[in-house]
Amino acid sequence: MKTELLQAVENKCLKKNIPHFDIGDTVDVHCKIKEGDKERIQVFTGTVIARKGIGINQTFTVRRIVEDEGVERIFPLHSPNVVDIKPVQSGQKRRAKLYYLRKLTGKSVKLSQRYSEHVGAK
């Protein structure tokens, strides 16, 4: 239950052009990295295993395997450091949170593909 003042301030900071992606989808997250006085954009590609929160507090968790080690990052959806989110492939799932992927290794980590209108159109 937010006050009207908080709601008005929050609406100014929300991003308008967020692409549709769901849990189980493989996404490219372009985020700003500061190194000293330089800035660059780094791409983190992985499977979305969770989304939570409402409004400005909304976050999503992306997981990928790097050199046989699982790496997870939690990104705030409306952060100015998250430059772009591009869905690469959709995944078929039957759960809201895919935390069970943490225990799996090898080919069993891959989700079967689900075709939708936002993925695969080039």
N, C-alpha and C. Protein backbone atom coordinates (compact mmCIF):
# COMPACT_ATOMS: atom_id res chain seq x y z
N MET A 1 0.84 -1.17 0.00
CA MET A 1 0.00 0.00 0.00
C MET A 1 0.89 1.24 0.00
N LYS A 2 1.05 1.85 -1.15
CA LYS A 2 1.93 3.00 -1.29
C LYS A 2 1.12 4.27 -1.35
N THR A 3 1.71 5.32 -0.87
CA THR A 3 1.04 6.60 -0.95
C THR A 3 1.13 7.13 -2.37
N GLU A 4 0.31 8.11 -2.67
CA GLU A 4 0.29 8.69 -4.02
C GLU A 4 1.60 9.39 -4.34
N LEU A 5 2.23 9.99 -3.33
CA LEU A 5 3.50 10.68 -3.54
C LEU A 5 4.60 9.69 -3.93
N LEU A 6 4.69 8.58 -3.21
CA LEU A 6 5.68 7.56 -3.55
C LEU A 6 5.41 6.98 -4.93
N GLN A 7 4.16 6.77 -5.25
CA GLN A 7 3.79 6.23 -6.56
C GLN A 7 4.21 7.18 -7.68
N ALA A 8 4.03 8.48 -7.48
CA ALA A 8 4.38 9.47 -8.50
C ALA A 8 5.90 9.52 -8.73
N VAL A 9 6.67 9.46 -7.65
CA VAL A 9 8.13 9.47 -7.77
C VAL A 9 8.62 8.19 -8.44
N GLU A 10 8.02 7.07 -8.08
CA GLU A 10 8.42 5.78 -8.64
C GLU A 10 8.12 5.70 -10.13
N ASN A 11 7.00 6.24 -10.57
CA ASN A 11 6.62 6.19 -11.98
C ASN A 11 7.59 6.94 -12.88
N LYS A 12 8.27 7.96 -12.35
CA LYS A 12 9.26 8.70 -13.14
C LYS A 12 10.49 7.84 -13.45
N CYS A 13 10.81 6.93 -12.55
CA CYS A 13 12.03 6.12 -12.69
C CYS A 13 11.81 4.81 -13.44
N LEU A 14 10.57 4.43 -13.70
CA LEU A 14 10.32 3.16 -14.37
C LEU A 14 10.70 3.24 -15.84
N LYS A 15 11.28 2.16 -16.36
CA LYS A 15 11.60 2.09 -17.78
C LYS A 15 10.34 1.80 -18.58
N LYS A 16 10.25 2.37 -19.76
CA LYS A 16 9.05 2.21 -20.58
C LYS A 16 9.17 1.06 -21.59
N ASN A 17 10.36 0.80 -22.08
CA ASN A 17 10.53 -0.17 -23.18
C ASN A 17 11.22 -1.45 -22.72
N ILE A 18 10.57 -2.17 -21.83
CA ILE A 18 11.11 -3.45 -21.36
C ILE A 18 10.52 -4.55 -22.22
N PRO A 19 11.36 -5.39 -22.85
CA PRO A 19 10.83 -6.47 -23.68
C PRO A 19 10.19 -7.56 -22.82
N HIS A 20 9.29 -8.29 -23.43
CA HIS A 20 8.63 -9.38 -22.71
C HIS A 20 9.56 -10.59 -22.65
N PHE A 21 9.85 -11.05 -21.44
CA PHE A 21 10.58 -12.30 -21.25
C PHE A 21 10.01 -12.97 -20.01
N ASP A 22 10.11 -14.27 -20.00
CA ASP A 22 9.49 -15.05 -18.93
C ASP A 22 10.55 -15.93 -18.27
N ILE A 23 10.18 -16.57 -17.20
CA ILE A 23 11.08 -17.50 -16.54
C ILE A 23 11.33 -18.68 -17.47
N GLY A 24 12.57 -19.11 -17.57
CA GLY A 24 12.93 -20.20 -18.47
C GLY A 24 13.52 -19.70 -19.78
N ASP A 25 13.35 -18.42 -20.08
CA ASP A 25 13.89 -17.86 -21.32
C ASP A 25 15.38 -17.60 -21.17
N THR A 26 16.10 -17.73 -22.28
CA THR A 26 17.51 -17.35 -22.33
C THR A 26 17.57 -15.91 -22.80
N VAL A 27 18.27 -15.05 -22.05
CA VAL A 27 18.33 -13.63 -22.36
C VAL A 27 19.77 -13.14 -22.37
N ASP A 28 19.99 -12.07 -23.15
CA ASP A 28 21.24 -11.31 -23.13
C ASP A 28 20.97 -10.05 -22.33
N VAL A 29 21.68 -9.87 -21.22
CA VAL A 29 21.52 -8.67 -20.41
C VAL A 29 22.75 -7.80 -20.62
N HIS A 30 22.56 -6.61 -21.18
CA HIS A 30 23.64 -5.66 -21.41
C HIS A 30 23.69 -4.72 -20.21
N CYS A 31 24.79 -4.77 -19.46
CA CYS A 31 24.88 -3.93 -18.27
C CYS A 31 26.16 -3.10 -18.29
N LYS A 32 26.07 -1.92 -17.69
CA LYS A 32 27.22 -1.01 -17.62
C LYS A 32 28.17 -1.47 -16.53
N ILE A 33 29.46 -1.47 -16.86
CA ILE A 33 30.52 -1.81 -15.91
C ILE A 33 31.46 -0.61 -15.83
N LYS A 34 31.74 -0.15 -14.61
CA LYS A 34 32.68 0.95 -14.42
C LYS A 34 34.02 0.39 -14.01
N GLU A 35 35.05 0.77 -14.75
CA GLU A 35 36.42 0.37 -14.42
C GLU A 35 37.26 1.63 -14.35
N GLY A 36 37.50 2.09 -13.15
CA GLY A 36 38.23 3.34 -12.97
C GLY A 36 37.39 4.51 -13.46
N ASP A 37 37.90 5.22 -14.45
CA ASP A 37 37.15 6.35 -15.01
C ASP A 37 36.48 5.99 -16.33
N LYS A 38 36.60 4.72 -16.76
CA LYS A 38 35.99 4.28 -18.02
C LYS A 38 34.71 3.51 -17.75
N GLU A 39 33.83 3.53 -18.72
CA GLU A 39 32.61 2.74 -18.68
C GLU A 39 32.54 1.87 -19.92
N ARG A 40 32.08 0.65 -19.75
CA ARG A 40 31.87 -0.23 -20.89
C ARG A 40 30.61 -1.04 -20.65
N ILE A 41 30.13 -1.68 -21.71
CA ILE A 41 28.94 -2.50 -21.61
C ILE A 41 29.33 -3.96 -21.72
N GLN A 42 28.90 -4.76 -20.75
CA GLN A 42 29.20 -6.18 -20.71
C GLN A 42 27.90 -6.95 -20.90
N VAL A 43 27.96 -8.03 -21.67
CA VAL A 43 26.79 -8.86 -21.94
C VAL A 43 26.85 -10.10 -21.06
N PHE A 44 25.77 -10.35 -20.33
CA PHE A 44 25.65 -11.54 -19.49
C PHE A 44 24.51 -12.37 -20.08
N THR A 45 24.84 -13.54 -20.63
CA THR A 45 23.85 -14.41 -21.26
C THR A 45 23.56 -15.59 -20.36
N GLY A 46 22.28 -15.86 -20.12
CA GLY A 46 21.92 -16.99 -19.28
C GLY A 46 20.42 -17.21 -19.26
N THR A 47 20.00 -18.15 -18.43
CA THR A 47 18.60 -18.52 -18.29
C THR A 47 17.99 -17.78 -17.11
N VAL A 48 16.83 -17.21 -17.32
CA VAL A 48 16.11 -16.53 -16.24
C VAL A 48 15.49 -17.61 -15.35
N ILE A 49 15.91 -17.64 -14.07
CA ILE A 49 15.38 -18.67 -13.18
C ILE A 49 14.38 -18.10 -12.18
N ALA A 50 14.30 -16.77 -12.06
CA ALA A 50 13.35 -16.19 -11.11
C ALA A 50 13.07 -14.74 -11.46
N ARG A 51 11.85 -14.31 -11.17
CA ARG A 51 11.46 -12.90 -11.21
C ARG A 51 10.68 -12.63 -9.94
N LYS A 52 10.94 -11.49 -9.32
CA LYS A 52 10.19 -11.16 -8.11
C LYS A 52 10.11 -9.65 -7.94
N GLY A 53 9.17 -9.22 -7.15
CA GLY A 53 9.00 -7.81 -6.85
C GLY A 53 7.95 -7.15 -7.73
N ILE A 54 7.61 -5.92 -7.36
CA ILE A 54 6.61 -5.13 -8.07
C ILE A 54 7.16 -3.73 -8.25
N GLY A 55 6.90 -3.14 -9.40
CA GLY A 55 7.26 -1.75 -9.64
C GLY A 55 8.76 -1.56 -9.71
N ILE A 56 9.25 -0.56 -9.01
CA ILE A 56 10.67 -0.20 -9.05
C ILE A 56 11.53 -1.28 -8.38
N ASN A 57 10.94 -2.10 -7.53
CA ASN A 57 11.67 -3.14 -6.80
C ASN A 57 11.74 -4.46 -7.55
N GLN A 58 11.31 -4.50 -8.80
CA GLN A 58 11.27 -5.76 -9.54
C GLN A 58 12.69 -6.19 -9.95
N THR A 59 13.01 -7.47 -9.69
CA THR A 59 14.31 -8.03 -10.03
C THR A 59 14.13 -9.35 -10.76
N PHE A 60 15.18 -9.75 -11.48
CA PHE A 60 15.18 -11.07 -12.10
C PHE A 60 16.57 -11.67 -11.95
N THR A 61 16.60 -12.99 -11.82
CA THR A 61 17.85 -13.73 -11.60
C THR A 61 18.20 -14.49 -12.86
N VAL A 62 19.44 -14.34 -13.32
CA VAL A 62 19.93 -15.01 -14.52
C VAL A 62 21.05 -15.95 -14.12
N ARG A 63 21.00 -17.18 -14.63
CA ARG A 63 22.00 -18.21 -14.31
C ARG A 63 22.65 -18.72 -15.57
N ARG A 64 23.95 -18.92 -15.51
CA ARG A 64 24.68 -19.55 -16.62
C ARG A 64 25.81 -20.38 -16.05
N ILE A 65 26.35 -21.26 -16.88
CA ILE A 65 27.45 -22.13 -16.49
C ILE A 65 28.73 -21.61 -17.13
N VAL A 66 29.74 -21.35 -16.32
CA VAL A 66 31.03 -20.88 -16.80
C VAL A 66 32.10 -21.82 -16.28
N GLU A 67 32.76 -22.54 -17.18
CA GLU A 67 33.83 -23.47 -16.83
C GLU A 67 33.38 -24.44 -15.73
N ASP A 68 32.25 -25.10 -15.96
CA ASP A 68 31.67 -26.10 -15.06
C ASP A 68 31.31 -25.54 -13.68
N GLU A 69 31.08 -24.26 -13.60
CA GLU A 69 30.69 -23.62 -12.35
C GLU A 69 29.47 -22.74 -12.63
N GLY A 70 28.44 -22.87 -11.81
CA GLY A 70 27.23 -22.07 -11.99
C GLY A 70 27.43 -20.65 -11.49
N VAL A 71 27.01 -19.68 -12.30
CA VAL A 71 27.12 -18.27 -11.94
C VAL A 71 25.72 -17.67 -12.02
N GLU A 72 25.29 -17.00 -10.96
CA GLU A 72 23.99 -16.34 -10.94
C GLU A 72 24.18 -14.87 -10.64
N ARG A 73 23.40 -14.05 -11.33
CA ARG A 73 23.38 -12.62 -11.05
C ARG A 73 21.94 -12.17 -10.92
N ILE A 74 21.72 -11.28 -9.98
CA ILE A 74 20.39 -10.70 -9.78
C ILE A 74 20.45 -9.27 -10.32
N PHE A 75 19.57 -8.98 -11.27
CA PHE A 75 19.52 -7.66 -11.90
C PHE A 75 18.24 -6.93 -11.50
N PRO A 76 18.33 -5.67 -11.08
CA PRO A 76 17.12 -4.86 -10.92
C PRO A 76 16.61 -4.51 -12.31
N LEU A 77 15.33 -4.72 -12.56
CA LEU A 77 14.77 -4.55 -13.89
C LEU A 77 14.82 -3.10 -14.35
N HIS A 78 14.61 -2.16 -13.45
CA HIS A 78 14.52 -0.75 -13.83
C HIS A 78 15.79 0.03 -13.51
N SER A 79 16.90 -0.66 -13.32
CA SER A 79 18.16 0.00 -13.00
C SER A 79 18.73 0.71 -14.23
N PRO A 80 19.33 1.88 -14.04
CA PRO A 80 19.99 2.55 -15.18
C PRO A 80 21.25 1.81 -15.64
N ASN A 81 21.79 0.92 -14.80
CA ASN A 81 22.96 0.14 -15.21
C ASN A 81 22.61 -1.03 -16.12
N VAL A 82 21.35 -1.43 -16.16
CA VAL A 82 20.90 -2.45 -17.10
C VAL A 82 20.47 -1.70 -18.36
N VAL A 83 21.32 -1.75 -19.39
CA VAL A 83 21.09 -0.97 -20.59
C VAL A 83 20.03 -1.62 -21.48
N ASP A 84 20.14 -2.93 -21.67
CA ASP A 84 19.23 -3.60 -22.60
C ASP A 84 19.05 -5.06 -22.18
N ILE A 85 17.88 -5.59 -22.49
CA ILE A 85 17.58 -7.00 -22.26
C ILE A 85 17.05 -7.55 -23.57
N LYS A 86 17.72 -8.58 -24.11
CA LYS A 86 17.29 -9.16 -25.38
C LYS A 86 16.98 -10.63 -25.18
N PRO A 87 15.73 -11.05 -25.39
CA PRO A 87 15.41 -12.48 -25.33
C PRO A 87 16.03 -13.21 -26.51
N VAL A 88 16.71 -14.32 -26.25
CA VAL A 88 17.38 -15.09 -27.28
C VAL A 88 16.56 -16.33 -27.64
N GLN A 89 16.11 -17.04 -26.62
CA GLN A 89 15.41 -18.30 -26.82
C GLN A 89 14.41 -18.48 -25.69
N SER A 90 13.25 -19.01 -26.02
CA SER A 90 12.27 -19.26 -24.97
C SER A 90 12.41 -20.69 -24.47
N GLY A 91 12.11 -20.90 -23.21
CA GLY A 91 12.22 -22.23 -22.63
C GLY A 91 10.89 -22.66 -22.05
N GLN A 92 10.58 -23.93 -22.22
CA GLN A 92 9.33 -24.45 -21.69
C GLN A 92 9.56 -24.87 -20.24
N LYS A 93 8.69 -24.41 -19.36
CA LYS A 93 8.82 -24.73 -17.94
C LYS A 93 7.42 -24.88 -17.36
N ARG A 94 7.37 -25.48 -16.16
CA ARG A 94 6.09 -25.68 -15.50
C ARG A 94 6.10 -25.15 -14.08
N ARG A 95 7.09 -24.34 -13.75
CA ARG A 95 7.21 -23.79 -12.41
C ARG A 95 7.47 -22.29 -12.48
N ALA A 96 7.22 -21.61 -11.38
CA ALA A 96 7.43 -20.17 -11.32
C ALA A 96 8.89 -19.84 -11.02
N LYS A 97 9.55 -20.68 -10.27
CA LYS A 97 10.96 -20.48 -9.94
C LYS A 97 11.71 -21.75 -10.34
N LEU A 98 12.84 -21.59 -11.01
CA LEU A 98 13.60 -22.73 -11.53
C LEU A 98 14.86 -22.98 -10.69
N TYR A 99 14.71 -22.95 -9.38
CA TYR A 99 15.86 -23.16 -8.50
C TYR A 99 16.39 -24.58 -8.58
N TYR A 100 15.60 -25.50 -9.07
CA TYR A 100 16.07 -26.89 -9.17
C TYR A 100 17.19 -27.03 -10.21
N LEU A 101 17.37 -26.04 -11.09
CA LEU A 101 18.46 -26.10 -12.08
C LEU A 101 19.83 -26.01 -11.42
N ARG A 102 19.88 -25.53 -10.18
CA ARG A 102 21.16 -25.42 -9.46
C ARG A 102 21.78 -26.78 -9.20
N LYS A 103 20.95 -27.79 -9.05
CA LYS A 103 21.45 -29.14 -8.73
C LYS A 103 21.82 -29.93 -9.97
N LEU A 104 21.36 -29.51 -11.15
CA LEU A 104 21.56 -30.28 -12.37
C LEU A 104 22.87 -29.91 -13.05
N THR A 105 23.41 -30.87 -13.81
CA THR A 105 24.63 -30.62 -14.57
C THR A 105 24.48 -31.19 -15.98
N GLY A 106 25.33 -30.75 -16.87
CA GLY A 106 25.36 -31.30 -18.22
C GLY A 106 24.15 -30.93 -19.05
N LYS A 107 23.68 -31.89 -19.87
CA LYS A 107 22.57 -31.64 -20.77
C LYS A 107 21.24 -31.47 -20.06
N SER A 108 21.14 -31.97 -18.84
CA SER A 108 19.87 -31.89 -18.11
C SER A 108 19.53 -30.46 -17.71
N VAL A 109 20.50 -29.55 -17.78
CA VAL A 109 20.25 -28.15 -17.44
C VAL A 109 19.43 -27.47 -18.53
N LYS A 110 19.53 -27.93 -19.77
CA LYS A 110 18.84 -27.29 -20.88
C LYS A 110 17.34 -27.52 -20.79
N LEU A 111 16.58 -26.47 -21.04
CA LEU A 111 15.13 -26.57 -21.07
C LEU A 111 14.68 -26.79 -22.51
N SER A 112 13.60 -27.52 -22.69
CA SER A 112 13.09 -27.68 -24.05
C SER A 112 12.54 -26.36 -24.53
N GLN A 113 12.60 -26.15 -25.83
CA GLN A 113 12.25 -24.84 -26.40
C GLN A 113 10.75 -24.69 -26.56
N ARG A 114 10.28 -23.50 -26.23
CA ARG A 114 8.88 -23.14 -26.42
C ARG A 114 8.87 -22.00 -27.43
N TYR A 115 8.08 -22.11 -28.46
CA TYR A 115 8.04 -21.09 -29.49
C TYR A 115 7.03 -20.03 -29.11
N SER A 116 7.42 -18.77 -29.26
CA SER A 116 6.53 -17.67 -28.98
C SER A 116 6.81 -16.54 -29.96
N GLU A 117 6.04 -15.48 -29.86
CA GLU A 117 6.13 -14.39 -30.84
C GLU A 117 7.33 -13.49 -30.63
N HIS A 118 7.94 -13.47 -29.42
CA HIS A 118 9.02 -12.54 -29.17
C HIS A 118 10.40 -13.12 -29.42
N VAL A 119 10.50 -14.39 -29.67
CA VAL A 119 11.81 -15.03 -29.81
C VAL A 119 11.94 -15.62 -31.21
N GLY A 120 13.10 -15.48 -31.80
CA GLY A 120 13.37 -16.10 -33.08
C GLY A 120 13.02 -15.23 -34.27
N ALA A 121 12.43 -14.09 -34.06
CA ALA A 121 12.08 -13.22 -35.19
C ALA A 121 13.28 -12.32 -35.47
N LYS A 122 13.88 -12.52 -36.61
CA LYS A 122 15.03 -11.68 -36.97
C LYS A 122 14.77 -10.95 -38.24
